[in-house]
């Protein structure tokens, strides 16, 4: 009974997300359904389930240049690229759950498509608490600066922290990428900023 109620609430949440997302899809090229979480100031994509993979009109991002989007296609076989508006919560991106379709990448950004201001010498760390299918874990995290992918980290296992040092002061964006064919739900994804003193 409790499990059925949970499933019904998830379906209702997804329907509400689809209805509310209609008005904002023209601002960003490719945006998966976004739902508000219980955690204030954060957003997740499809809690507890992965909805049907939406069709993407163009393989592009508002912050990633064509050379780098082409690289994701050729090197990793990425077939879908989403821009994911996200509300900042201090010096951390903290998503309780995020759906990553097989062969897809999701660029994280503020709701107004702005990035995060970081100084030279800052460190960015990627951490995933758990995934829905750890038998086929094939994840990457990355850092975008001035339209280019400047650093990538391979996430070989959950609970392992991978870090990147920022070499130039400026505006940064971050992405997560599922290079495998299996759809994944990432739980407790954290991207933290250890700012330069």
N, C-alpha and C. Protein backbone atom coordinates (compact mmCIF):
# COMPACT_ATOMS: atom_id res chain seq x y z
N UNK A 1 0.82 -1.19 0.00
CA UNK A 1 0.00 0.00 0.00
C UNK A 1 0.87 1.27 0.00
N UNK A 2 1.85 1.31 0.90
CA UNK A 2 2.75 2.46 0.99
C UNK A 2 3.56 2.62 -0.29
N UNK A 3 3.97 1.48 -0.88
CA UNK A 3 4.73 1.52 -2.13
C UNK A 3 3.88 2.08 -3.27
N UNK A 4 2.59 1.68 -3.32
CA UNK A 4 1.68 2.19 -4.36
C UNK A 4 1.46 3.68 -4.21
N UNK A 5 1.33 4.17 -2.98
CA UNK A 5 1.16 5.60 -2.76
C UNK A 5 2.39 6.37 -3.24
N UNK A 6 3.56 5.81 -2.99
CA UNK A 6 4.80 6.45 -3.42
C UNK A 6 4.85 6.53 -4.95
N UNK A 7 4.46 5.44 -5.62
CA UNK A 7 4.46 5.43 -7.09
C UNK A 7 3.48 6.45 -7.64
N UNK A 8 2.30 6.54 -7.02
CA UNK A 8 1.29 7.49 -7.48
C UNK A 8 1.79 8.92 -7.31
N UNK A 9 2.42 9.19 -6.16
CA UNK A 9 2.93 10.55 -5.92
C UNK A 9 4.03 10.90 -6.92
N UNK A 10 4.85 9.92 -7.31
CA UNK A 10 5.90 10.16 -8.30
C UNK A 10 5.29 10.49 -9.65
N UNK A 11 4.26 9.74 -10.05
CA UNK A 11 3.59 9.98 -11.34
C UNK A 11 2.97 11.38 -11.36
N UNK A 12 2.32 11.76 -10.25
CA UNK A 12 1.72 13.09 -10.16
C UNK A 12 2.80 14.16 -10.27
N UNK A 13 3.93 13.94 -9.59
CA UNK A 13 5.04 14.90 -9.62
C UNK A 13 5.56 15.07 -11.05
N UNK A 14 5.71 13.97 -11.78
CA UNK A 14 6.21 14.03 -13.15
C UNK A 14 5.24 14.78 -14.05
N UNK A 15 3.93 14.52 -13.88
CA UNK A 15 2.92 15.22 -14.68
C UNK A 15 2.98 16.72 -14.41
N UNK A 16 3.06 17.10 -13.13
CA UNK A 16 3.15 18.51 -12.78
C UNK A 16 4.41 19.15 -13.36
N UNK A 17 5.50 18.39 -13.34
CA UNK A 17 6.76 18.90 -13.90
C UNK A 17 6.62 19.17 -15.39
N UNK A 18 5.98 18.23 -16.09
CA UNK A 18 5.82 18.40 -17.53
C UNK A 18 4.98 19.63 -17.83
N UNK A 19 3.92 19.84 -17.05
CA UNK A 19 3.07 21.00 -17.26
C UNK A 19 3.80 22.30 -16.97
N UNK A 20 4.58 22.33 -15.88
CA UNK A 20 5.27 23.57 -15.50
C UNK A 20 6.46 23.84 -16.39
N UNK A 21 7.06 22.83 -17.00
CA UNK A 21 8.25 23.02 -17.83
C UNK A 21 7.93 23.61 -19.19
N UNK A 22 6.66 23.51 -19.63
CA UNK A 22 6.30 23.95 -20.97
C UNK A 22 6.65 25.41 -21.22
N UNK A 23 6.46 26.27 -20.23
CA UNK A 23 6.69 27.69 -20.42
C UNK A 23 8.14 28.07 -20.49
N UNK A 24 9.06 27.26 -20.00
CA UNK A 24 10.47 27.66 -19.94
C UNK A 24 11.36 26.96 -20.95
N UNK A 25 10.82 26.07 -21.76
CA UNK A 25 11.65 25.30 -22.67
C UNK A 25 12.24 26.14 -23.78
N UNK A 26 11.63 27.33 -24.07
CA UNK A 26 12.15 28.14 -25.15
C UNK A 26 13.40 28.91 -24.75
N UNK A 27 13.73 28.98 -23.47
CA UNK A 27 14.88 29.72 -22.98
C UNK A 27 16.17 28.94 -23.14
N UNK A 28 16.11 27.62 -23.04
CA UNK A 28 17.30 26.78 -23.08
C UNK A 28 17.06 25.69 -24.11
N UNK A 29 18.04 25.39 -24.97
CA UNK A 29 17.81 24.47 -26.10
C UNK A 29 17.22 23.13 -25.72
N UNK A 30 17.82 22.42 -24.80
CA UNK A 30 17.37 21.08 -24.44
C UNK A 30 17.31 20.99 -22.92
N UNK A 31 16.10 20.86 -22.39
CA UNK A 31 15.94 20.86 -20.94
C UNK A 31 15.03 19.70 -20.54
N UNK A 32 15.54 18.74 -19.77
CA UNK A 32 14.66 17.67 -19.29
C UNK A 32 13.71 18.22 -18.24
N UNK A 33 12.69 17.44 -17.91
CA UNK A 33 11.72 17.87 -16.93
C UNK A 33 12.41 18.12 -15.60
N UNK A 34 12.05 19.22 -14.94
CA UNK A 34 12.65 19.59 -13.67
C UNK A 34 11.56 19.57 -12.60
N UNK A 35 11.86 19.00 -11.44
CA UNK A 35 10.91 18.97 -10.34
C UNK A 35 11.55 19.55 -9.09
N UNK A 36 10.76 20.25 -8.26
CA UNK A 36 11.29 20.76 -7.01
C UNK A 36 11.46 19.63 -6.02
N UNK A 37 12.48 19.70 -5.20
CA UNK A 37 12.73 18.68 -4.19
C UNK A 37 12.21 19.13 -2.84
N UNK A 38 12.32 18.24 -1.87
CA UNK A 38 11.99 18.58 -0.50
C UNK A 38 13.06 19.49 0.07
N UNK A 39 14.27 19.44 -0.47
CA UNK A 39 15.38 20.25 0.03
C UNK A 39 15.28 21.64 -0.56
N UNK A 40 15.17 22.64 0.29
CA UNK A 40 15.01 24.01 -0.16
C UNK A 40 16.21 24.45 -0.99
N UNK A 41 15.92 25.08 -2.12
CA UNK A 41 16.98 25.64 -2.95
C UNK A 41 17.60 24.67 -3.93
N UNK A 42 17.16 23.41 -3.96
CA UNK A 42 17.72 22.44 -4.90
C UNK A 42 16.65 21.95 -5.86
N UNK A 43 17.08 21.38 -6.95
CA UNK A 43 16.14 20.77 -7.88
C UNK A 43 16.65 19.39 -8.27
N UNK A 44 15.72 18.51 -8.62
CA UNK A 44 16.10 17.19 -9.10
C UNK A 44 15.38 16.93 -10.41
N UNK A 45 15.77 15.88 -11.08
CA UNK A 45 15.12 15.48 -12.31
C UNK A 45 14.46 14.14 -12.06
N UNK A 46 13.14 14.11 -12.14
CA UNK A 46 12.36 12.89 -12.02
C UNK A 46 12.70 12.05 -10.80
N UNK A 47 12.16 12.33 -9.63
CA UNK A 47 12.47 11.56 -8.43
C UNK A 47 12.00 10.12 -8.54
N UNK A 48 12.86 9.20 -8.07
CA UNK A 48 12.55 7.77 -7.95
C UNK A 48 12.31 7.02 -9.26
N UNK A 49 12.38 7.69 -10.36
CA UNK A 49 12.16 6.99 -11.63
C UNK A 49 12.77 7.81 -12.76
N UNK A 50 12.99 7.19 -13.90
CA UNK A 50 13.47 7.91 -15.07
C UNK A 50 12.34 7.94 -16.09
N UNK A 51 11.84 9.12 -16.43
CA UNK A 51 10.77 9.19 -17.43
C UNK A 51 11.30 8.81 -18.81
N UNK A 52 10.40 8.67 -19.76
CA UNK A 52 10.82 8.35 -21.12
C UNK A 52 11.77 9.43 -21.62
N UNK A 53 12.82 9.01 -22.27
CA UNK A 53 13.84 9.95 -22.76
C UNK A 53 13.22 10.92 -23.76
N UNK A 54 13.27 12.23 -23.46
CA UNK A 54 12.66 13.18 -24.39
C UNK A 54 13.47 13.33 -25.67
N UNK A 55 12.79 13.69 -26.74
CA UNK A 55 13.48 13.93 -28.01
C UNK A 55 14.22 15.25 -27.94
N UNK A 56 15.41 15.28 -28.51
CA UNK A 56 16.22 16.48 -28.52
C UNK A 56 16.25 17.03 -29.94
N UNK A 57 15.88 18.30 -30.08
CA UNK A 57 15.83 18.91 -31.40
C UNK A 57 17.23 19.17 -31.95
N UNK A 58 18.11 19.70 -31.10
CA UNK A 58 19.48 20.00 -31.53
C UNK A 58 20.45 19.52 -30.47
N UNK A 59 21.58 18.98 -30.91
CA UNK A 59 22.62 18.56 -29.97
C UNK A 59 23.50 19.76 -29.70
N UNK A 60 23.08 20.61 -28.74
CA UNK A 60 23.85 21.79 -28.41
C UNK A 60 23.52 22.24 -27.00
N UNK A 61 24.36 23.10 -26.47
CA UNK A 61 24.19 23.66 -25.14
C UNK A 61 24.39 25.17 -25.23
N UNK A 62 23.78 25.91 -24.31
CA UNK A 62 23.97 27.36 -24.33
C UNK A 62 25.37 27.75 -23.86
N UNK A 63 26.11 26.83 -23.22
CA UNK A 63 27.44 27.18 -22.70
C UNK A 63 28.58 26.38 -23.32
N UNK A 64 28.28 25.32 -24.03
CA UNK A 64 29.33 24.45 -24.57
C UNK A 64 29.43 24.68 -26.08
N UNK A 65 30.64 24.97 -26.58
CA UNK A 65 30.77 25.26 -28.01
C UNK A 65 30.68 23.99 -28.87
N UNK A 66 30.53 24.20 -30.18
CA UNK A 66 30.32 23.08 -31.10
C UNK A 66 31.48 22.09 -31.11
N UNK A 67 32.70 22.59 -31.06
CA UNK A 67 33.87 21.71 -31.06
C UNK A 67 33.79 20.70 -29.90
N UNK A 68 33.39 21.18 -28.73
CA UNK A 68 33.33 20.31 -27.56
C UNK A 68 32.11 19.41 -27.56
N UNK A 69 30.98 19.88 -28.09
CA UNK A 69 29.82 18.99 -28.19
C UNK A 69 30.11 17.87 -29.19
N UNK A 70 30.79 18.22 -30.29
CA UNK A 70 31.18 17.20 -31.27
C UNK A 70 32.12 16.17 -30.63
N UNK A 71 33.00 16.63 -29.76
CA UNK A 71 33.93 15.73 -29.07
C UNK A 71 33.18 14.73 -28.19
N UNK A 72 32.15 15.19 -27.49
CA UNK A 72 31.34 14.28 -26.66
C UNK A 72 30.71 13.19 -27.52
N UNK A 73 30.27 13.57 -28.71
CA UNK A 73 29.69 12.58 -29.64
C UNK A 73 30.73 11.57 -30.10
N UNK A 74 31.86 12.07 -30.55
CA UNK A 74 32.85 11.18 -31.16
C UNK A 74 33.61 10.33 -30.16
N UNK A 75 34.02 10.93 -29.02
CA UNK A 75 34.83 10.18 -28.06
C UNK A 75 34.02 9.28 -27.14
N UNK A 76 32.84 9.73 -26.76
CA UNK A 76 32.06 8.99 -25.76
C UNK A 76 30.76 8.39 -26.29
N UNK A 77 30.44 8.70 -27.53
CA UNK A 77 29.19 8.19 -28.09
C UNK A 77 27.96 8.82 -27.46
N UNK A 78 28.10 10.04 -26.93
CA UNK A 78 26.97 10.72 -26.30
C UNK A 78 25.94 11.09 -27.37
N UNK A 79 24.69 10.74 -27.10
CA UNK A 79 23.63 10.96 -28.08
C UNK A 79 22.69 12.09 -27.69
N UNK A 80 22.66 12.46 -26.40
CA UNK A 80 21.73 13.47 -25.91
C UNK A 80 22.46 14.42 -24.98
N UNK A 81 22.22 15.72 -25.16
CA UNK A 81 22.86 16.73 -24.32
C UNK A 81 21.77 17.67 -23.79
N UNK A 82 21.71 17.79 -22.46
CA UNK A 82 20.72 18.65 -21.82
C UNK A 82 21.38 19.78 -21.07
N UNK A 83 20.77 20.96 -21.10
CA UNK A 83 21.09 22.03 -20.18
C UNK A 83 20.11 21.93 -19.03
N UNK A 84 20.62 21.91 -17.80
CA UNK A 84 19.78 21.70 -16.62
C UNK A 84 19.83 22.92 -15.71
N UNK A 85 18.83 23.79 -15.76
CA UNK A 85 18.78 24.93 -14.85
C UNK A 85 18.72 24.44 -13.41
N UNK A 86 19.48 25.06 -12.54
CA UNK A 86 19.64 24.60 -11.17
C UNK A 86 19.76 25.80 -10.25
N UNK A 87 19.15 25.75 -9.07
CA UNK A 87 19.23 26.86 -8.12
C UNK A 87 20.44 26.65 -7.22
N UNK A 88 21.26 27.68 -7.10
CA UNK A 88 22.47 27.59 -6.27
C UNK A 88 22.11 27.53 -4.80
N UNK A 89 22.85 26.70 -4.06
CA UNK A 89 22.66 26.60 -2.61
C UNK A 89 24.05 26.67 -1.97
N UNK A 90 24.57 27.89 -1.82
CA UNK A 90 25.89 28.06 -1.22
C UNK A 90 26.99 27.60 -2.16
N UNK A 91 28.08 27.12 -1.59
CA UNK A 91 29.23 26.69 -2.39
C UNK A 91 29.16 25.20 -2.69
N UNK A 92 28.02 24.75 -3.20
CA UNK A 92 27.85 23.34 -3.48
C UNK A 92 26.66 23.14 -4.42
N UNK A 93 26.80 22.20 -5.35
CA UNK A 93 25.66 21.69 -6.09
C UNK A 93 25.28 20.40 -5.39
N UNK A 94 24.09 20.31 -4.86
CA UNK A 94 23.69 19.17 -4.04
C UNK A 94 22.34 18.67 -4.53
N UNK A 95 22.35 17.59 -5.31
CA UNK A 95 21.12 17.03 -5.87
C UNK A 95 20.83 15.70 -5.20
N UNK A 96 19.67 15.57 -4.59
CA UNK A 96 19.33 14.32 -3.91
C UNK A 96 19.19 13.19 -4.92
N UNK A 97 18.67 13.49 -6.10
CA UNK A 97 18.62 12.51 -7.18
C UNK A 97 18.67 13.22 -8.53
N UNK A 98 19.31 12.59 -9.48
CA UNK A 98 19.31 13.11 -10.85
C UNK A 98 19.32 11.92 -11.81
N UNK A 99 18.45 11.97 -12.80
CA UNK A 99 18.37 10.91 -13.80
C UNK A 99 19.35 11.20 -14.92
N UNK A 100 20.18 10.21 -15.25
CA UNK A 100 21.10 10.33 -16.38
C UNK A 100 20.79 9.21 -17.36
N UNK A 101 20.21 9.57 -18.50
CA UNK A 101 19.90 8.57 -19.51
C UNK A 101 21.20 7.99 -20.07
N UNK A 102 21.11 6.78 -20.61
CA UNK A 102 22.28 6.18 -21.25
C UNK A 102 22.75 7.04 -22.39
N UNK A 103 24.08 7.21 -22.49
CA UNK A 103 24.71 8.01 -23.55
C UNK A 103 24.19 9.45 -23.54
N UNK A 104 24.13 10.05 -22.36
CA UNK A 104 23.67 11.44 -22.27
C UNK A 104 24.57 12.25 -21.35
N UNK A 105 24.58 13.56 -21.57
CA UNK A 105 25.32 14.50 -20.72
C UNK A 105 24.36 15.59 -20.27
N UNK A 106 24.53 16.06 -19.03
CA UNK A 106 23.68 17.12 -18.49
C UNK A 106 24.55 18.23 -17.93
N UNK A 107 24.41 19.42 -18.51
CA UNK A 107 25.17 20.60 -18.08
C UNK A 107 24.37 21.30 -16.99
N UNK A 108 25.00 21.51 -15.83
CA UNK A 108 24.33 22.15 -14.70
C UNK A 108 24.61 23.64 -14.70
N UNK A 109 23.56 24.42 -14.41
CA UNK A 109 23.67 25.88 -14.41
C UNK A 109 22.61 26.47 -13.52
N UNK A 110 22.75 27.77 -13.23
CA UNK A 110 21.71 28.46 -12.48
C UNK A 110 20.44 28.55 -13.33
N UNK A 111 19.35 28.89 -12.68
CA UNK A 111 18.06 28.98 -13.36
C UNK A 111 18.09 29.98 -14.52
N UNK A 112 18.91 31.02 -14.39
CA UNK A 112 19.00 32.03 -15.45
C UNK A 112 20.15 31.73 -16.42
N UNK A 113 20.59 30.47 -16.43
CA UNK A 113 21.66 29.99 -17.33
C UNK A 113 23.02 30.58 -17.00
N UNK A 114 23.21 31.09 -15.79
CA UNK A 114 24.50 31.62 -15.35
C UNK A 114 25.32 30.51 -14.69
N UNK A 115 26.64 30.69 -14.66
CA UNK A 115 27.54 29.72 -14.04
C UNK A 115 27.97 30.15 -12.65
N UNK A 116 29.04 29.53 -12.17
CA UNK A 116 29.57 29.80 -10.83
C UNK A 116 30.90 30.54 -10.96
N UNK A 117 31.07 31.60 -10.18
CA UNK A 117 32.30 32.39 -10.21
C UNK A 117 33.34 31.74 -9.29
N UNK A 118 34.47 31.35 -9.87
CA UNK A 118 35.54 30.72 -9.09
C UNK A 118 36.87 31.42 -9.36
N UNK A 119 37.72 31.42 -8.35
CA UNK A 119 39.02 32.04 -8.46
C UNK A 119 40.09 30.99 -8.78
N UNK A 120 41.18 31.43 -9.37
CA UNK A 120 42.32 30.56 -9.62
C UNK A 120 42.78 29.93 -8.30
N UNK A 121 43.06 28.63 -8.33
CA UNK A 121 43.49 27.92 -7.13
C UNK A 121 42.36 27.24 -6.38
N UNK A 122 41.11 27.51 -6.78
CA UNK A 122 39.97 26.81 -6.17
C UNK A 122 39.98 25.35 -6.61
N UNK A 123 39.34 24.50 -5.81
CA UNK A 123 39.18 23.09 -6.17
C UNK A 123 37.72 22.74 -6.30
N UNK A 124 37.41 21.94 -7.32
CA UNK A 124 36.05 21.45 -7.53
C UNK A 124 36.08 19.94 -7.34
N UNK A 125 35.18 19.42 -6.50
CA UNK A 125 35.15 17.97 -6.21
C UNK A 125 33.81 17.38 -6.59
N UNK A 126 33.85 16.17 -7.16
CA UNK A 126 32.66 15.44 -7.59
C UNK A 126 32.49 14.21 -6.69
N UNK A 127 31.24 13.96 -6.28
CA UNK A 127 30.96 12.84 -5.38
C UNK A 127 29.56 12.31 -5.68
N UNK A 128 29.42 10.99 -5.78
CA UNK A 128 28.11 10.36 -5.94
C UNK A 128 27.97 9.30 -4.85
N UNK A 129 26.89 9.38 -4.08
CA UNK A 129 26.68 8.44 -2.99
C UNK A 129 26.30 7.05 -3.49
N UNK A 130 25.38 7.00 -4.45
CA UNK A 130 24.96 5.70 -4.99
C UNK A 130 24.34 5.88 -6.37
N UNK A 131 24.24 4.78 -7.11
CA UNK A 131 23.62 4.78 -8.44
C UNK A 131 22.64 3.62 -8.51
N UNK A 132 21.72 3.71 -9.44
CA UNK A 132 20.68 2.68 -9.53
C UNK A 132 21.21 1.35 -10.06
N UNK A 133 22.28 1.38 -10.86
CA UNK A 133 22.84 0.15 -11.42
C UNK A 133 24.36 0.24 -11.42
N UNK A 134 24.97 -0.25 -10.34
CA UNK A 134 26.43 -0.12 -10.24
C UNK A 134 27.18 -1.21 -11.01
N UNK A 135 26.45 -2.14 -11.65
CA UNK A 135 27.13 -3.15 -12.46
C UNK A 135 27.60 -2.58 -13.78
N UNK A 136 27.04 -1.44 -14.17
CA UNK A 136 27.43 -0.84 -15.45
C UNK A 136 27.81 0.62 -15.27
N UNK A 137 28.53 0.92 -14.20
CA UNK A 137 28.89 2.30 -13.90
C UNK A 137 29.91 2.83 -14.90
N UNK A 138 29.55 3.87 -15.60
CA UNK A 138 30.42 4.49 -16.59
C UNK A 138 30.10 5.98 -16.63
N UNK A 139 30.52 6.70 -15.58
CA UNK A 139 30.17 8.11 -15.42
C UNK A 139 31.40 9.00 -15.53
N UNK A 140 31.18 10.22 -16.00
CA UNK A 140 32.22 11.25 -16.00
C UNK A 140 31.61 12.54 -15.47
N UNK A 141 32.44 13.32 -14.80
CA UNK A 141 32.07 14.68 -14.43
C UNK A 141 33.03 15.60 -15.14
N UNK A 142 32.63 16.84 -15.33
CA UNK A 142 33.51 17.74 -16.04
C UNK A 142 33.29 19.19 -15.72
N UNK A 143 34.28 20.01 -16.13
CA UNK A 143 34.28 21.44 -15.88
C UNK A 143 34.33 22.17 -17.22
N UNK A 144 33.46 23.18 -17.37
CA UNK A 144 33.38 23.96 -18.61
C UNK A 144 33.79 25.40 -18.30
N UNK A 145 34.67 25.95 -19.12
CA UNK A 145 35.10 27.34 -18.99
C UNK A 145 35.21 27.95 -20.38
N UNK A 146 34.54 29.09 -20.57
CA UNK A 146 34.62 29.81 -21.84
C UNK A 146 34.22 28.91 -23.02
N UNK A 147 33.19 28.08 -22.82
CA UNK A 147 32.68 27.23 -23.89
C UNK A 147 33.40 25.92 -24.08
N UNK A 148 34.53 25.73 -23.38
CA UNK A 148 35.36 24.55 -23.56
C UNK A 148 35.34 23.63 -22.34
N UNK A 149 35.46 22.34 -22.59
CA UNK A 149 35.67 21.38 -21.51
C UNK A 149 37.14 21.47 -21.14
N UNK A 150 37.43 21.91 -19.91
CA UNK A 150 38.82 22.09 -19.52
C UNK A 150 39.33 20.96 -18.62
N UNK A 151 38.41 20.17 -18.05
CA UNK A 151 38.83 19.06 -17.18
C UNK A 151 37.70 18.05 -17.09
N UNK A 152 38.09 16.78 -17.00
CA UNK A 152 37.13 15.70 -16.80
C UNK A 152 37.63 14.76 -15.72
N UNK A 153 36.70 14.18 -15.00
CA UNK A 153 37.04 13.16 -14.02
C UNK A 153 36.20 11.92 -14.31
N UNK A 154 36.84 10.78 -14.22
CA UNK A 154 36.15 9.50 -14.42
C UNK A 154 35.67 9.02 -13.05
N UNK A 155 34.40 8.71 -12.95
CA UNK A 155 33.84 8.23 -11.69
C UNK A 155 33.74 6.71 -11.79
N UNK A 156 34.73 6.05 -11.22
CA UNK A 156 34.84 4.60 -11.33
C UNK A 156 34.02 3.86 -10.27
N UNK A 157 33.78 4.53 -9.15
CA UNK A 157 33.00 3.89 -8.08
C UNK A 157 32.29 4.96 -7.26
N UNK A 158 31.19 4.58 -6.65
CA UNK A 158 30.46 5.52 -5.81
C UNK A 158 31.25 5.81 -4.54
N UNK A 159 30.96 6.92 -3.94
CA UNK A 159 31.59 7.39 -2.70
C UNK A 159 33.05 7.78 -2.87
N UNK A 160 33.55 7.73 -4.11
CA UNK A 160 34.92 8.14 -4.39
C UNK A 160 34.90 9.61 -4.80
N UNK A 161 35.74 10.44 -4.18
CA UNK A 161 35.77 11.87 -4.48
C UNK A 161 36.84 12.16 -5.52
N UNK A 162 36.44 12.82 -6.60
CA UNK A 162 37.36 13.21 -7.66
C UNK A 162 37.44 14.73 -7.70
N UNK A 163 38.65 15.30 -7.78
CA UNK A 163 38.82 16.75 -7.71
C UNK A 163 39.56 17.32 -8.91
N UNK A 164 39.27 18.59 -9.19
CA UNK A 164 39.90 19.34 -10.28
C UNK A 164 40.31 20.70 -9.72
N UNK A 165 41.54 21.15 -10.02
CA UNK A 165 41.98 22.48 -9.59
C UNK A 165 41.70 23.50 -10.69
N UNK A 166 41.14 24.64 -10.31
CA UNK A 166 40.82 25.72 -11.24
C UNK A 166 42.09 26.54 -11.48
N UNK A 167 42.42 26.74 -12.77
CA UNK A 167 43.68 27.41 -13.11
C UNK A 167 43.50 28.85 -13.56
N UNK A 168 42.24 29.31 -13.68
CA UNK A 168 42.01 30.68 -14.14
C UNK A 168 40.72 31.19 -13.51
N UNK A 169 40.74 32.41 -13.02
CA UNK A 169 39.55 33.02 -12.42
C UNK A 169 38.51 33.27 -13.51
N UNK A 170 37.25 32.95 -13.22
CA UNK A 170 36.19 33.18 -14.19
C UNK A 170 34.91 32.45 -13.85
N UNK A 171 34.03 32.34 -14.85
CA UNK A 171 32.72 31.71 -14.70
C UNK A 171 32.79 30.27 -15.19
N UNK A 172 32.34 29.35 -14.35
CA UNK A 172 32.44 27.92 -14.66
C UNK A 172 31.08 27.25 -14.63
N UNK A 173 30.96 26.22 -15.46
CA UNK A 173 29.79 25.34 -15.49
C UNK A 173 30.30 23.91 -15.28
N UNK A 174 29.40 23.03 -14.91
CA UNK A 174 29.78 21.65 -14.63
C UNK A 174 28.79 20.71 -15.31
N UNK A 175 29.26 19.51 -15.61
CA UNK A 175 28.36 18.55 -16.23
C UNK A 175 28.60 17.15 -15.66
N UNK A 176 27.58 16.33 -15.81
CA UNK A 176 27.68 14.91 -15.52
C UNK A 176 27.32 14.18 -16.80
N UNK A 177 27.99 13.06 -17.01
CA UNK A 177 27.82 12.33 -18.27
C UNK A 177 27.72 10.83 -18.00
N UNK A 178 26.74 10.20 -18.59
CA UNK A 178 26.58 8.75 -18.51
C UNK A 178 27.05 8.17 -19.84
N UNK A 179 28.24 7.59 -19.85
CA UNK A 179 28.82 7.06 -21.09
C UNK A 179 28.35 5.65 -21.39
N UNK A 180 27.61 5.03 -20.46
CA UNK A 180 27.11 3.68 -20.67
C UNK A 180 25.75 3.68 -21.33
N UNK A 181 25.26 2.48 -21.63
CA UNK A 181 23.97 2.34 -22.30
C UNK A 181 22.81 2.22 -21.32
N UNK A 182 23.11 2.00 -20.02
CA UNK A 182 22.07 1.80 -19.02
C UNK A 182 21.67 3.13 -18.39
N UNK A 183 20.36 3.41 -18.36
CA UNK A 183 19.88 4.61 -17.67
C UNK A 183 20.23 4.50 -16.19
N UNK A 184 20.59 5.63 -15.59
CA UNK A 184 21.02 5.65 -14.19
C UNK A 184 20.25 6.71 -13.41
N UNK A 185 19.99 6.42 -12.13
CA UNK A 185 19.58 7.45 -11.19
C UNK A 185 20.72 7.62 -10.21
N UNK A 186 21.30 8.82 -10.16
CA UNK A 186 22.38 9.12 -9.22
C UNK A 186 21.76 9.68 -7.95
N UNK A 187 22.13 9.14 -6.81
CA UNK A 187 21.63 9.64 -5.53
C UNK A 187 22.73 10.42 -4.82
N UNK A 188 22.33 11.55 -4.27
CA UNK A 188 23.23 12.40 -3.49
C UNK A 188 24.46 12.80 -4.29
N UNK A 189 24.22 13.41 -5.46
CA UNK A 189 25.30 13.96 -6.27
C UNK A 189 25.72 15.29 -5.65
N UNK A 190 27.02 15.43 -5.37
CA UNK A 190 27.54 16.68 -4.83
C UNK A 190 28.71 17.15 -5.69
N UNK A 191 28.67 18.42 -6.06
CA UNK A 191 29.81 19.08 -6.68
C UNK A 191 30.14 20.25 -5.76
N UNK A 192 31.28 20.16 -5.09
CA UNK A 192 31.63 21.16 -4.07
C UNK A 192 32.76 22.06 -4.56
N UNK A 193 32.77 23.30 -4.07
CA UNK A 193 33.77 24.28 -4.44
C UNK A 193 34.57 24.65 -3.21
N UNK A 194 35.85 24.31 -3.23
CA UNK A 194 36.78 24.71 -2.17
C UNK A 194 37.50 25.94 -2.70
N UNK A 195 37.02 27.11 -2.33
CA UNK A 195 37.49 28.35 -2.93
C UNK A 195 38.90 28.71 -2.47
N UNK A 196 39.66 29.29 -3.39
CA UNK A 196 41.02 29.73 -3.08
C UNK A 196 40.98 30.83 -2.02
N UNK A 197 41.92 30.79 -1.10
CA UNK A 197 41.98 31.80 -0.03
C UNK A 197 42.67 33.05 -0.54
